[in-house]
Amino acid sequence: FVYRWPLPLASLARQCPEHPGFADRVELYADGMELANGFEELTDASEQRRRFEQDLENRKAEGRSEVPLDDNLIKSLEQGLPESSGMALGVDRLIMWLCGIQNIRDVICFSENEI
């Protein structure tokens, strides 16, 4: 498990109370392959907006294309989102690891065009 990610690398995760500058985010690796990731949700609307705006400023400074700010998420947070967390397991990656398969295309059940 790799945990406590730098905040700039975890824009939707809550800041770790015991370690300012880090987020309550975790990833599970096996033999160097990421199998799962999860985090405590950031539920503070003003902090989420600040992070989104900072990300947009960084993109602009780097000459990258603009993306719209997710106002729907901000509005949802303003309505009140309970404390929550979760972890997502990449079943395709788990199958790769269990079967010793090197290329994810050899385990997915559909092509990119079918997504």
N, C-alpha and C. Protein backbone atom coordinates (compact mmCIF):
# COMPACT_ATOMS: atom_id res chain seq x y z
N PHE A 1 0.84 -1.18 0.00
CA PHE A 1 0.00 0.00 0.00
C PHE A 1 0.88 1.24 0.00
N VAL A 2 0.51 2.20 -0.83
CA VAL A 2 1.16 3.51 -0.83
C VAL A 2 0.09 4.49 -0.37
N TYR A 3 0.38 5.26 0.64
CA TYR A 3 -0.63 6.17 1.16
C TYR A 3 -0.03 7.53 1.49
N ARG A 4 -0.93 8.50 1.80
CA ARG A 4 -0.57 9.90 2.05
C ARG A 4 0.08 10.51 0.83
N TRP A 5 -0.74 10.85 -0.13
CA TRP A 5 -0.27 11.45 -1.37
C TRP A 5 -0.15 12.96 -1.22
N PRO A 6 0.81 13.59 -1.90
CA PRO A 6 0.87 15.06 -1.89
C PRO A 6 -0.46 15.62 -2.41
N LEU A 7 -0.98 16.65 -1.76
CA LEU A 7 -2.28 17.22 -2.13
C LEU A 7 -2.41 17.54 -3.62
N PRO A 8 -1.40 18.12 -4.27
CA PRO A 8 -1.57 18.45 -5.69
C PRO A 8 -1.82 17.22 -6.57
N LEU A 9 -1.53 16.03 -6.07
CA LEU A 9 -1.73 14.80 -6.85
C LEU A 9 -3.02 14.08 -6.45
N ALA A 10 -3.84 14.71 -5.63
CA ALA A 10 -5.08 14.08 -5.15
C ALA A 10 -6.16 15.13 -4.99
N SER A 11 -6.58 15.73 -6.10
CA SER A 11 -7.43 16.91 -6.04
C SER A 11 -8.83 16.67 -5.48
N LEU A 12 -9.31 15.45 -5.42
CA LEU A 12 -10.64 15.18 -4.88
C LEU A 12 -10.61 14.58 -3.48
N ALA A 13 -9.42 14.39 -2.95
CA ALA A 13 -9.27 13.74 -1.64
C ALA A 13 -9.14 14.76 -0.52
N ARG A 14 -9.63 14.37 0.64
CA ARG A 14 -9.53 15.20 1.84
C ARG A 14 -8.08 15.32 2.29
N GLN A 15 -7.72 16.49 2.81
CA GLN A 15 -6.38 16.67 3.37
C GLN A 15 -6.26 15.82 4.63
N CYS A 16 -5.12 15.19 4.78
CA CYS A 16 -4.85 14.35 5.95
C CYS A 16 -4.68 15.26 7.18
N PRO A 17 -5.53 15.13 8.20
CA PRO A 17 -5.45 16.02 9.36
C PRO A 17 -4.11 15.95 10.09
N GLU A 18 -3.51 14.77 10.13
CA GLU A 18 -2.25 14.61 10.86
C GLU A 18 -1.03 15.03 10.06
N HIS A 19 -1.19 15.17 8.74
CA HIS A 19 -0.06 15.47 7.88
C HIS A 19 -0.45 16.52 6.84
N PRO A 20 -0.46 17.82 7.23
CA PRO A 20 -0.82 18.87 6.28
C PRO A 20 0.06 18.80 5.03
N GLY A 21 -0.55 19.06 3.89
CA GLY A 21 0.17 18.97 2.63
C GLY A 21 0.02 17.62 1.96
N PHE A 22 -0.58 16.68 2.68
CA PHE A 22 -0.82 15.34 2.14
C PHE A 22 -2.31 15.03 2.18
N ALA A 23 -2.72 14.12 1.31
CA ALA A 23 -4.12 13.73 1.21
C ALA A 23 -4.32 12.32 1.76
N ASP A 24 -5.55 12.08 2.23
CA ASP A 24 -5.94 10.73 2.66
C ASP A 24 -6.28 9.91 1.43
N ARG A 25 -5.24 9.47 0.73
CA ARG A 25 -5.38 8.69 -0.49
C ARG A 25 -4.46 7.48 -0.39
N VAL A 26 -4.89 6.37 -0.99
CA VAL A 26 -4.12 5.13 -0.93
C VAL A 26 -4.19 4.42 -2.27
N GLU A 27 -3.12 3.73 -2.62
CA GLU A 27 -3.11 2.86 -3.80
C GLU A 27 -2.51 1.52 -3.38
N LEU A 28 -3.05 0.45 -3.95
CA LEU A 28 -2.56 -0.90 -3.70
C LEU A 28 -1.79 -1.37 -4.92
N TYR A 29 -0.56 -1.81 -4.69
CA TYR A 29 0.30 -2.32 -5.77
C TYR A 29 0.68 -3.76 -5.48
N ALA A 30 0.84 -4.54 -6.55
CA ALA A 30 1.37 -5.90 -6.46
C ALA A 30 2.37 -6.07 -7.59
N ASP A 31 3.59 -6.40 -7.25
CA ASP A 31 4.66 -6.56 -8.25
C ASP A 31 4.77 -5.35 -9.16
N GLY A 32 4.62 -4.16 -8.58
CA GLY A 32 4.76 -2.92 -9.35
C GLY A 32 3.54 -2.50 -10.14
N MET A 33 2.45 -3.26 -10.08
CA MET A 33 1.24 -2.93 -10.83
C MET A 33 0.17 -2.39 -9.87
N GLU A 34 -0.41 -1.23 -10.23
CA GLU A 34 -1.50 -0.68 -9.43
C GLU A 34 -2.74 -1.54 -9.61
N LEU A 35 -3.28 -2.03 -8.51
CA LEU A 35 -4.49 -2.85 -8.55
C LEU A 35 -5.72 -2.09 -8.08
N ALA A 36 -5.55 -1.17 -7.14
CA ALA A 36 -6.69 -0.46 -6.58
C ALA A 36 -6.26 0.90 -6.07
N ASN A 37 -7.22 1.82 -5.98
CA ASN A 37 -6.95 3.11 -5.37
C ASN A 37 -8.20 3.60 -4.65
N GLY A 38 -7.99 4.43 -3.66
CA GLY A 38 -9.12 4.96 -2.91
C GLY A 38 -8.71 6.18 -2.12
N PHE A 39 -9.73 6.87 -1.58
CA PHE A 39 -9.45 8.06 -0.79
C PHE A 39 -10.67 8.48 0.01
N GLU A 40 -10.40 9.33 1.01
CA GLU A 40 -11.46 10.01 1.75
C GLU A 40 -11.90 11.18 0.89
N GLU A 41 -13.20 11.30 0.66
CA GLU A 41 -13.74 12.36 -0.19
C GLU A 41 -13.55 13.73 0.46
N LEU A 42 -13.15 14.70 -0.35
CA LEU A 42 -13.14 16.09 0.09
C LEU A 42 -14.58 16.58 0.03
N THR A 43 -15.13 17.02 1.15
CA THR A 43 -16.53 17.44 1.20
C THR A 43 -16.70 18.95 1.40
N ASP A 44 -15.61 19.68 1.46
CA ASP A 44 -15.64 21.13 1.64
C ASP A 44 -15.70 21.80 0.27
N ALA A 45 -16.86 22.40 -0.04
CA ALA A 45 -17.07 22.99 -1.37
C ALA A 45 -16.08 24.10 -1.69
N SER A 46 -15.81 24.98 -0.73
CA SER A 46 -14.90 26.09 -1.01
C SER A 46 -13.47 25.59 -1.25
N GLU A 47 -13.04 24.59 -0.50
CA GLU A 47 -11.70 24.02 -0.72
C GLU A 47 -11.63 23.31 -2.06
N GLN A 48 -12.71 22.61 -2.43
CA GLN A 48 -12.71 21.93 -3.73
C GLN A 48 -12.64 22.93 -4.87
N ARG A 49 -13.41 24.03 -4.75
CA ARG A 49 -13.36 25.09 -5.78
C ARG A 49 -11.96 25.67 -5.87
N ARG A 50 -11.33 25.94 -4.72
CA ARG A 50 -9.98 26.49 -4.72
C ARG A 50 -9.02 25.56 -5.44
N ARG A 51 -9.12 24.27 -5.17
CA ARG A 51 -8.23 23.30 -5.83
C ARG A 51 -8.48 23.25 -7.33
N PHE A 52 -9.75 23.22 -7.73
CA PHE A 52 -10.07 23.22 -9.16
C PHE A 52 -9.49 24.46 -9.84
N GLU A 53 -9.69 25.62 -9.21
CA GLU A 53 -9.18 26.86 -9.80
C GLU A 53 -7.66 26.85 -9.90
N GLN A 54 -6.99 26.31 -8.88
CA GLN A 54 -5.53 26.18 -8.92
C GLN A 54 -5.10 25.26 -10.05
N ASP A 55 -5.81 24.15 -10.22
CA ASP A 55 -5.50 23.22 -11.32
C ASP A 55 -5.65 23.92 -12.67
N LEU A 56 -6.70 24.72 -12.81
CA LEU A 56 -6.91 25.44 -14.08
C LEU A 56 -5.80 26.45 -14.33
N GLU A 57 -5.37 27.16 -13.28
CA GLU A 57 -4.25 28.09 -13.42
C GLU A 57 -2.98 27.35 -13.83
N ASN A 58 -2.72 26.21 -13.23
CA ASN A 58 -1.53 25.42 -13.57
C ASN A 58 -1.58 24.96 -15.02
N ARG A 59 -2.74 24.50 -15.48
CA ARG A 59 -2.89 24.07 -16.88
C ARG A 59 -2.59 25.23 -17.83
N LYS A 60 -3.13 26.40 -17.51
CA LYS A 60 -2.92 27.57 -18.36
C LYS A 60 -1.43 27.94 -18.40
N ALA A 61 -0.78 27.94 -17.24
CA ALA A 61 0.65 28.28 -17.17
C ALA A 61 1.51 27.29 -17.94
N GLU A 62 1.05 26.04 -18.03
CA GLU A 62 1.79 25.00 -18.75
C GLU A 62 1.42 24.94 -20.23
N GLY A 63 0.51 25.83 -20.66
CA GLY A 63 0.11 25.85 -22.07
C GLY A 63 -0.80 24.69 -22.46
N ARG A 64 -1.44 24.08 -21.48
CA ARG A 64 -2.34 22.95 -21.77
C ARG A 64 -3.75 23.47 -22.02
N SER A 65 -4.56 22.65 -22.66
CA SER A 65 -5.92 23.06 -23.00
C SER A 65 -6.76 23.27 -21.73
N GLU A 66 -7.72 24.19 -21.86
CA GLU A 66 -8.61 24.47 -20.74
C GLU A 66 -9.65 23.37 -20.62
N VAL A 67 -10.07 23.13 -19.40
CA VAL A 67 -11.18 22.21 -19.14
C VAL A 67 -12.18 22.97 -18.26
N PRO A 68 -13.46 22.66 -18.39
CA PRO A 68 -14.44 23.38 -17.58
C PRO A 68 -14.36 22.98 -16.11
N LEU A 69 -14.59 23.95 -15.25
CA LEU A 69 -14.66 23.68 -13.82
C LEU A 69 -15.94 22.89 -13.56
N ASP A 70 -15.88 21.87 -12.74
CA ASP A 70 -17.03 21.00 -12.48
C ASP A 70 -17.97 21.66 -11.47
N ASP A 71 -18.83 22.56 -11.99
CA ASP A 71 -19.77 23.26 -11.12
C ASP A 71 -20.80 22.33 -10.50
N ASN A 72 -21.14 21.25 -11.19
CA ASN A 72 -22.11 20.31 -10.62
C ASN A 72 -21.58 19.67 -9.34
N LEU A 73 -20.31 19.33 -9.33
CA LEU A 73 -19.72 18.76 -8.11
C LEU A 73 -19.71 19.80 -7.00
N ILE A 74 -19.31 21.02 -7.33
CA ILE A 74 -19.28 22.09 -6.31
C ILE A 74 -20.67 22.31 -5.73
N LYS A 75 -21.69 22.36 -6.59
CA LYS A 75 -23.07 22.55 -6.11
C LYS A 75 -23.50 21.40 -5.21
N SER A 76 -23.13 20.19 -5.57
CA SER A 76 -23.46 19.03 -4.75
C SER A 76 -22.80 19.13 -3.38
N LEU A 77 -21.55 19.54 -3.36
CA LEU A 77 -20.84 19.69 -2.09
C LEU A 77 -21.48 20.78 -1.24
N GLU A 78 -21.94 21.85 -1.88
CA GLU A 78 -22.60 22.94 -1.15
C GLU A 78 -23.90 22.46 -0.50
N GLN A 79 -24.56 21.50 -1.12
CA GLN A 79 -25.80 20.95 -0.56
C GLN A 79 -25.53 20.07 0.66
N GLY A 80 -24.31 19.60 0.76
CA GLY A 80 -23.93 18.78 1.90
C GLY A 80 -23.73 17.33 1.53
N LEU A 81 -22.51 16.92 1.46
CA LEU A 81 -22.16 15.53 1.19
C LEU A 81 -21.62 14.94 2.48
N PRO A 82 -22.16 13.82 2.93
CA PRO A 82 -21.64 13.23 4.17
C PRO A 82 -20.21 12.73 3.98
N GLU A 83 -19.49 12.63 5.08
CA GLU A 83 -18.14 12.07 5.03
C GLU A 83 -18.22 10.70 4.37
N SER A 84 -17.32 10.46 3.44
CA SER A 84 -17.34 9.18 2.73
C SER A 84 -15.96 8.86 2.18
N SER A 85 -15.79 7.60 1.87
CA SER A 85 -14.55 7.15 1.26
C SER A 85 -14.85 5.89 0.47
N GLY A 86 -13.90 5.48 -0.32
CA GLY A 86 -14.09 4.27 -1.10
C GLY A 86 -12.79 3.82 -1.72
N MET A 87 -12.84 2.63 -2.26
CA MET A 87 -11.67 2.08 -2.94
C MET A 87 -12.16 1.34 -4.17
N ALA A 88 -11.49 1.56 -5.30
CA ALA A 88 -11.86 0.92 -6.56
C ALA A 88 -10.78 -0.09 -6.95
N LEU A 89 -11.22 -1.30 -7.18
CA LEU A 89 -10.32 -2.37 -7.61
C LEU A 89 -10.44 -2.52 -9.11
N GLY A 90 -9.32 -2.49 -9.81
CA GLY A 90 -9.32 -2.74 -11.25
C GLY A 90 -9.34 -4.24 -11.49
N VAL A 91 -10.53 -4.78 -11.77
CA VAL A 91 -10.66 -6.22 -11.95
C VAL A 91 -9.77 -6.69 -13.11
N ASP A 92 -9.70 -5.89 -14.17
CA ASP A 92 -8.83 -6.25 -15.29
C ASP A 92 -7.37 -6.36 -14.85
N ARG A 93 -6.94 -5.44 -14.01
CA ARG A 93 -5.56 -5.47 -13.51
C ARG A 93 -5.34 -6.64 -12.57
N LEU A 94 -6.35 -6.94 -11.75
CA LEU A 94 -6.24 -8.10 -10.86
C LEU A 94 -6.09 -9.38 -11.67
N ILE A 95 -6.88 -9.52 -12.74
CA ILE A 95 -6.77 -10.70 -13.61
C ILE A 95 -5.38 -10.77 -14.24
N MET A 96 -4.89 -9.61 -14.71
CA MET A 96 -3.53 -9.58 -15.28
C MET A 96 -2.52 -10.11 -14.28
N TRP A 97 -2.59 -9.61 -13.06
CA TRP A 97 -1.62 -9.99 -12.03
C TRP A 97 -1.74 -11.47 -11.69
N LEU A 98 -2.98 -11.94 -11.49
CA LEU A 98 -3.19 -13.34 -11.12
C LEU A 98 -2.75 -14.31 -12.21
N CYS A 99 -2.93 -13.91 -13.48
CA CYS A 99 -2.62 -14.80 -14.61
C CYS A 99 -1.25 -14.54 -15.23
N GLY A 100 -0.54 -13.53 -14.72
CA GLY A 100 0.77 -13.23 -15.27
C GLY A 100 0.73 -12.63 -16.67
N ILE A 101 -0.35 -11.93 -16.99
CA ILE A 101 -0.51 -11.31 -18.32
C ILE A 101 0.10 -9.92 -18.29
N GLN A 102 0.85 -9.56 -19.33
CA GLN A 102 1.58 -8.30 -19.36
C GLN A 102 0.80 -7.14 -19.99
N ASN A 103 -0.12 -7.42 -20.90
CA ASN A 103 -0.81 -6.37 -21.63
C ASN A 103 -2.30 -6.36 -21.27
N ILE A 104 -2.78 -5.22 -20.82
CA ILE A 104 -4.18 -5.11 -20.39
C ILE A 104 -5.16 -5.41 -21.53
N ARG A 105 -4.74 -5.17 -22.76
CA ARG A 105 -5.61 -5.46 -23.91
C ARG A 105 -5.93 -6.96 -24.02
N ASP A 106 -5.12 -7.78 -23.40
CA ASP A 106 -5.35 -9.23 -23.44
C ASP A 106 -6.39 -9.70 -22.42
N VAL A 107 -6.86 -8.79 -21.56
CA VAL A 107 -7.85 -9.20 -20.55
C VAL A 107 -9.15 -8.42 -20.60
N ILE A 108 -9.18 -7.26 -21.26
CA ILE A 108 -10.43 -6.50 -21.28
C ILE A 108 -11.45 -7.17 -22.20
N CYS A 109 -12.70 -7.02 -21.85
CA CYS A 109 -13.78 -7.71 -22.57
C CYS A 109 -14.36 -6.89 -23.72
N PHE A 110 -13.87 -5.69 -23.93
CA PHE A 110 -14.41 -4.83 -24.98
C PHE A 110 -13.31 -3.93 -25.50
N SER A 111 -13.49 -3.41 -26.69
CA SER A 111 -12.48 -2.53 -27.28
C SER A 111 -12.74 -1.09 -26.85
N GLU A 112 -11.78 -0.22 -27.11
CA GLU A 112 -11.93 1.20 -26.79
C GLU A 112 -13.13 1.80 -27.52
N ASN A 113 -13.44 1.30 -28.70
CA ASN A 113 -14.57 1.82 -29.48
C ASN A 113 -15.92 1.45 -28.87
N GLU A 114 -15.95 0.45 -28.02
CA GLU A 114 -17.20 -0.01 -27.42
C GLU A 114 -17.51 0.65 -26.08
N ILE A 115 -16.63 1.49 -25.62
CA ILE A 115 -16.83 2.14 -24.31
C ILE A 115 -17.93 3.16 -24.41
